[in-house]
């Protein structure tokens, strides 16, 4: 059975950092295979994981559309005599970056001006089937809920709404939480995470958190230890285990993952 965790929030809140450290926790302290999905068109989850992406799902979709348009094979086969479904399946498998405990799939750029309905439906089937092969799936979403709302991901067990310690971040997180009932996927549990907190939470911010009605599962402090990694580009998964940022994410992971 697959446990799926998705992260969302406004841009710049540190979703990718928390996603990477959550993946590290799963790799080090849980049994089972892990699929990381970078659903942000900026595609930088690979950098914090120390993995190299050569092709994205967006690239595959564009390439297939170009092939169909250039060859006129609207109902025909793709190179090698493959069906379109088999062609996309093969390309997604080739785009999958395989690691020791963690595999990575980057969704890539958003859609262009062409018609993507058929390709997107095929890709949803392929990605859904791929995810079911793993014990854990961690999805780093773009700023917002676009990938979830387009059903490019399967049902979500845990949705972490990540905010920075600002009123604007909390408003964005609250707005995203309100979107959840209208999504055409199931979201079992929703939690709030306050990232980059300096010291104790100020009373006005704590009051704003309470007003959201969201369950605050944990806070992640601002950690000077991350500066060297940000400056040099070292993967954040190499942060020493004793750093306060990793320990905070570890506590959050223990809470939301429970006995899974």
Protein backbone atom coordinates (compact mmCIF):
# COMPACT_ATOMS: atom_id res chain seq x y z
CA UNK A 1 0.00 0.00 0.00
CA UNK A 2 1.30 3.44 -0.96
CA UNK A 3 1.38 6.42 1.42
CA UNK A 4 1.30 9.72 -0.47
CA UNK A 5 2.40 13.03 1.05
CA UNK A 6 1.99 16.28 -0.90
CA UNK A 7 3.37 19.69 0.00
CA UNK A 8 1.82 22.99 -1.11
CA UNK A 9 2.05 26.66 -0.21
CA UNK A 10 2.82 30.02 -1.72
CA UNK A 11 6.15 30.49 -3.46
CA UNK A 12 9.24 30.90 -1.33
CA UNK A 13 7.94 29.23 1.82
CA UNK A 14 10.52 26.42 1.73
CA UNK A 15 8.30 23.57 0.52
CA UNK A 16 11.19 22.00 -1.39
CA UNK A 17 13.49 22.03 1.64
CA UNK A 18 10.87 20.34 3.81
CA UNK A 19 10.08 17.84 1.04
CA UNK A 20 13.75 16.91 0.72
CA UNK A 21 14.23 16.44 4.46
CA UNK A 22 11.02 14.41 4.68
CA UNK A 23 12.36 12.18 1.91
CA UNK A 24 15.63 11.84 3.80
CA UNK A 25 13.73 10.80 6.93
CA UNK A 26 11.84 8.12 4.99
CA UNK A 27 15.03 6.84 3.38
CA UNK A 28 16.91 6.62 6.67
CA UNK A 29 14.23 5.56 9.11
CA UNK A 30 11.47 3.76 7.21
CA UNK A 31 11.43 0.57 5.20
CA UNK A 32 10.16 0.62 1.65
CA UNK A 33 10.78 2.33 -1.66
CA UNK A 34 10.30 6.08 -2.18
CA UNK A 35 9.23 8.06 -5.22
CA UNK A 36 9.86 11.80 -5.17
CA UNK A 37 7.76 13.82 -7.62
CA UNK A 38 8.83 17.34 -8.48
CA UNK A 39 5.57 18.96 -9.59
CA UNK A 40 7.05 22.47 -9.67
CA UNK A 41 7.92 23.74 -13.18
CA UNK A 42 11.05 25.30 -11.66
CA UNK A 43 12.21 21.71 -11.07
CA UNK A 44 14.79 22.11 -8.30
CA UNK A 45 13.90 19.22 -6.00
CA UNK A 46 16.66 17.28 -7.75
CA UNK A 47 19.23 19.84 -6.58
CA UNK A 48 18.41 19.49 -2.90
CA UNK A 49 18.31 15.69 -3.30
CA UNK A 50 21.62 15.60 -5.19
CA UNK A 51 20.10 13.96 -8.27
CA UNK A 52 20.36 14.93 -11.94
CA UNK A 53 17.27 15.30 -14.14
CA UNK A 54 17.70 14.99 -17.90
CA UNK A 55 14.06 14.87 -19.01
CA UNK A 56 10.72 15.85 -17.52
CA UNK A 57 7.16 14.67 -18.09
CA UNK A 58 6.48 18.06 -19.67
CA UNK A 59 9.27 17.43 -22.18
CA UNK A 60 7.77 14.04 -23.03
CA UNK A 61 4.33 15.55 -23.56
CA UNK A 62 5.72 18.27 -25.85
CA UNK A 63 7.84 15.80 -27.82
CA UNK A 64 4.87 13.53 -28.45
CA UNK A 65 2.68 16.42 -29.55
CA UNK A 66 5.41 17.57 -31.96
CA UNK A 67 5.77 14.05 -33.35
CA UNK A 68 2.04 13.73 -33.93
CA UNK A 69 1.80 17.14 -35.57
CA UNK A 70 4.83 16.64 -37.80
CA UNK A 71 3.91 13.12 -38.92
CA UNK A 72 0.16 13.56 -39.08
CA UNK A 73 -0.15 10.31 -37.09
CA UNK A 74 -3.31 11.42 -35.33
CA UNK A 75 -4.48 7.86 -34.81
CA UNK A 76 -1.38 6.00 -35.85
CA UNK A 77 1.58 4.57 -34.04
CA UNK A 78 4.68 6.25 -32.65
CA UNK A 79 8.35 5.51 -33.47
CA UNK A 80 9.13 1.82 -33.36
CA UNK A 81 5.51 0.94 -34.04
CA UNK A 82 4.50 1.60 -30.42
CA UNK A 83 1.08 2.90 -29.49
CA UNK A 84 0.94 6.38 -28.00
CA UNK A 85 0.26 4.90 -24.56
CA UNK A 86 3.24 2.54 -24.79
CA UNK A 87 5.42 5.33 -26.15
CA UNK A 88 4.58 7.62 -23.21
CA UNK A 89 5.02 4.76 -20.75
CA UNK A 90 8.48 4.01 -22.12
CA UNK A 91 9.50 7.68 -22.08
CA UNK A 92 8.34 8.15 -18.47
CA UNK A 93 10.35 5.11 -17.42
CA UNK A 94 13.40 6.58 -19.16
CA UNK A 95 12.84 9.95 -17.45
CA UNK A 96 12.72 8.33 -14.00
CA UNK A 97 15.93 9.11 -12.10
CA UNK A 98 16.83 6.07 -10.04
CA UNK A 99 18.71 6.33 -6.73
CA UNK A 100 19.70 3.96 -3.95
CA UNK A 101 16.49 4.38 -1.93
CA UNK A 102 14.80 7.23 -3.74
CA UNK A 103 13.65 7.58 -7.35
CA UNK A 104 12.72 10.97 -8.79
CA UNK A 105 10.27 12.04 -11.48
CA UNK A 106 10.13 15.70 -12.56
CA UNK A 107 6.83 16.92 -14.02
CA UNK A 108 8.48 19.92 -15.68
CA UNK A 109 7.07 22.84 -17.58
CA UNK A 110 3.39 23.69 -17.85
CA UNK A 111 1.38 23.15 -20.98
CA UNK A 112 1.88 25.26 -24.09
CA UNK A 113 -0.77 26.43 -26.54
CA UNK A 114 -1.46 23.00 -28.09
CA UNK A 115 -4.11 20.43 -27.26
CA UNK A 116 -2.91 18.17 -24.46
CA UNK A 117 -6.12 16.46 -23.31
CA UNK A 118 -5.33 12.99 -24.67
CA UNK A 119 -1.66 13.09 -23.66
CA UNK A 120 -2.50 14.30 -20.16
CA UNK A 121 -5.01 11.52 -19.64
CA UNK A 122 -2.47 8.91 -20.74
CA UNK A 123 0.18 10.44 -18.49
CA UNK A 124 -2.16 10.41 -15.49
CA UNK A 125 -2.71 6.68 -15.98
CA UNK A 126 1.03 6.06 -16.32
CA UNK A 127 2.08 8.17 -13.32
CA UNK A 128 -0.70 6.68 -11.18
CA UNK A 129 0.46 3.17 -12.04
CA UNK A 130 4.08 4.14 -11.36
CA UNK A 131 3.25 5.59 -7.94
CA UNK A 132 1.54 2.39 -6.85
CA UNK A 133 4.84 0.56 -7.18
CA UNK A 134 6.32 2.51 -4.24
CA UNK A 135 5.77 2.42 -0.49
CA UNK A 136 5.96 6.21 -0.21
CA UNK A 137 5.35 9.04 -2.65
CA UNK A 138 6.36 12.61 -1.76
CA UNK A 139 5.08 15.36 -4.09
CA UNK A 140 6.64 18.83 -4.07
CA UNK A 141 3.95 20.97 -5.70
CA UNK A 142 4.24 24.30 -7.47
CA UNK A 143 3.08 27.43 -5.66
CA UNK A 144 -0.59 26.63 -5.34
CA UNK A 145 -2.71 23.56 -5.95
CA UNK A 146 -2.57 23.41 -9.73
CA UNK A 147 -1.14 19.90 -10.11
CA UNK A 148 -3.54 18.54 -7.53
CA UNK A 149 -6.53 20.29 -9.09
CA UNK A 150 -5.60 18.96 -12.56
CA UNK A 151 -5.46 15.45 -11.06
CA UNK A 152 -1.88 14.89 -12.16
CA UNK A 153 -1.41 13.12 -8.82
CA UNK A 154 -3.27 10.27 -7.15
CA UNK A 155 -5.22 10.53 -3.91
CA UNK A 156 -3.25 12.13 -1.09
CA UNK A 157 -2.95 10.71 2.42
CA UNK A 158 -1.26 13.78 3.94
CA UNK A 159 -1.29 17.33 2.58
CA UNK A 160 1.23 19.63 4.26
CA UNK A 161 0.44 23.31 3.73
CA UNK A 162 3.74 25.13 4.27
CA UNK A 163 3.84 28.79 5.22
CA UNK A 164 6.55 31.21 6.21
CA UNK A 165 5.96 33.14 9.45
CA UNK A 166 3.90 35.86 7.76
CA UNK A 167 0.24 36.79 7.60
CA UNK A 168 0.38 36.54 3.78
CA UNK A 169 1.66 32.99 3.94
CA UNK A 170 -1.10 31.98 6.34
CA UNK A 171 -3.77 33.56 4.14
CA UNK A 172 -2.45 31.57 1.17
CA UNK A 173 -2.42 28.34 3.19
CA UNK A 174 -5.97 28.95 4.41
CA UNK A 175 -7.11 29.61 0.83
CA UNK A 176 -5.53 26.35 -0.33
CA UNK A 177 -7.21 24.43 2.48
CA UNK A 178 -10.57 25.76 1.31
CA UNK A 179 -9.84 24.43 -2.17
CA UNK A 180 -9.39 20.85 -0.95
CA UNK A 181 -13.09 19.83 -0.83
CA UNK A 182 -13.48 20.92 -4.45
CA UNK A 183 -10.57 18.86 -5.76
CA UNK A 184 -11.44 15.77 -7.74
CA UNK A 185 -9.10 13.68 -5.62
CA UNK A 186 -9.28 12.47 -2.05
CA UNK A 187 -7.21 14.26 0.60
CA UNK A 188 -7.33 12.37 3.86
CA UNK A 189 -5.52 14.72 6.26
CA UNK A 190 -4.42 18.37 6.02
CA UNK A 191 -1.82 19.95 8.29
CA UNK A 192 -0.15 23.34 8.58
CA UNK A 193 3.63 23.77 8.89
CA UNK A 194 5.20 27.12 9.79
CA UNK A 195 8.70 27.28 8.31
CA UNK A 196 11.69 29.57 9.01
CA UNK A 197 10.43 30.64 12.42
CA UNK A 198 12.84 32.79 14.45
CA UNK A 199 12.51 31.95 18.12
CA UNK A 200 9.08 31.65 19.69
CA UNK A 201 5.99 32.27 17.61
CA UNK A 202 4.81 35.88 18.09
CA UNK A 203 1.31 36.14 19.63
CA UNK A 204 -0.21 37.88 16.55
CA UNK A 205 1.05 35.07 14.34
CA UNK A 206 -0.20 32.42 16.76
CA UNK A 207 -3.62 34.07 16.73
CA UNK A 208 -3.61 34.07 12.92
CA UNK A 209 -2.71 30.37 12.91
CA UNK A 210 -5.64 29.67 15.21
CA UNK A 211 -8.01 31.62 12.95
CA UNK A 212 -7.15 29.41 9.96
CA UNK A 213 -8.71 26.43 11.72
CA UNK A 214 -5.85 24.28 10.42
CA UNK A 215 -4.04 21.81 12.63
CA UNK A 216 -0.49 23.05 13.23
CA UNK A 217 1.59 19.91 13.06
CA UNK A 218 4.89 21.64 13.75
CA UNK A 219 7.23 24.56 13.19
CA UNK A 220 10.62 24.56 11.51
CA UNK A 221 13.16 27.08 12.83
CA UNK A 222 15.41 29.20 10.71
CA UNK A 223 18.74 27.37 10.77
CA UNK A 224 22.08 29.11 10.09
CA UNK A 225 23.56 25.69 9.27
CA UNK A 226 21.70 25.78 5.95
CA UNK A 227 23.57 28.87 4.73
CA UNK A 228 26.70 26.95 3.69
CA UNK A 229 24.61 24.47 1.73
CA UNK A 230 22.66 27.22 0.00
CA UNK A 231 25.84 29.11 -0.92
CA UNK A 232 27.72 26.09 -2.24
CA UNK A 233 24.80 24.19 -3.77
CA UNK A 234 25.41 21.10 -1.66
CA UNK A 235 22.33 18.84 -1.46
CA UNK A 236 20.30 19.64 1.64
CA UNK A 237 19.86 15.94 2.34
CA UNK A 238 23.51 16.02 3.43
CA UNK A 239 22.75 18.34 6.35
CA UNK A 240 24.11 16.88 9.61
CA UNK A 241 21.43 14.94 11.44
CA UNK A 242 21.78 17.12 14.53
CA UNK A 243 20.83 20.35 12.74
CA UNK A 244 17.70 21.90 14.20
CA UNK A 245 15.96 22.12 10.81
CA UNK A 246 16.30 18.40 10.16
CA UNK A 247 15.27 17.48 13.69
CA UNK A 248 12.17 19.67 13.34
CA UNK A 249 11.19 18.03 10.04
CA UNK A 250 11.88 14.63 11.57
CA UNK A 251 9.44 15.35 14.41
CA UNK A 252 6.80 16.46 11.91
CA UNK A 253 7.37 13.31 9.85
CA UNK A 254 7.01 11.09 12.92
CA UNK A 255 3.73 12.79 13.73
CA UNK A 256 2.11 12.67 10.30
CA UNK A 257 3.41 9.25 9.23
CA UNK A 258 2.43 7.50 12.45
CA UNK A 259 2.67 3.76 12.08
CA UNK A 260 2.71 3.75 8.28
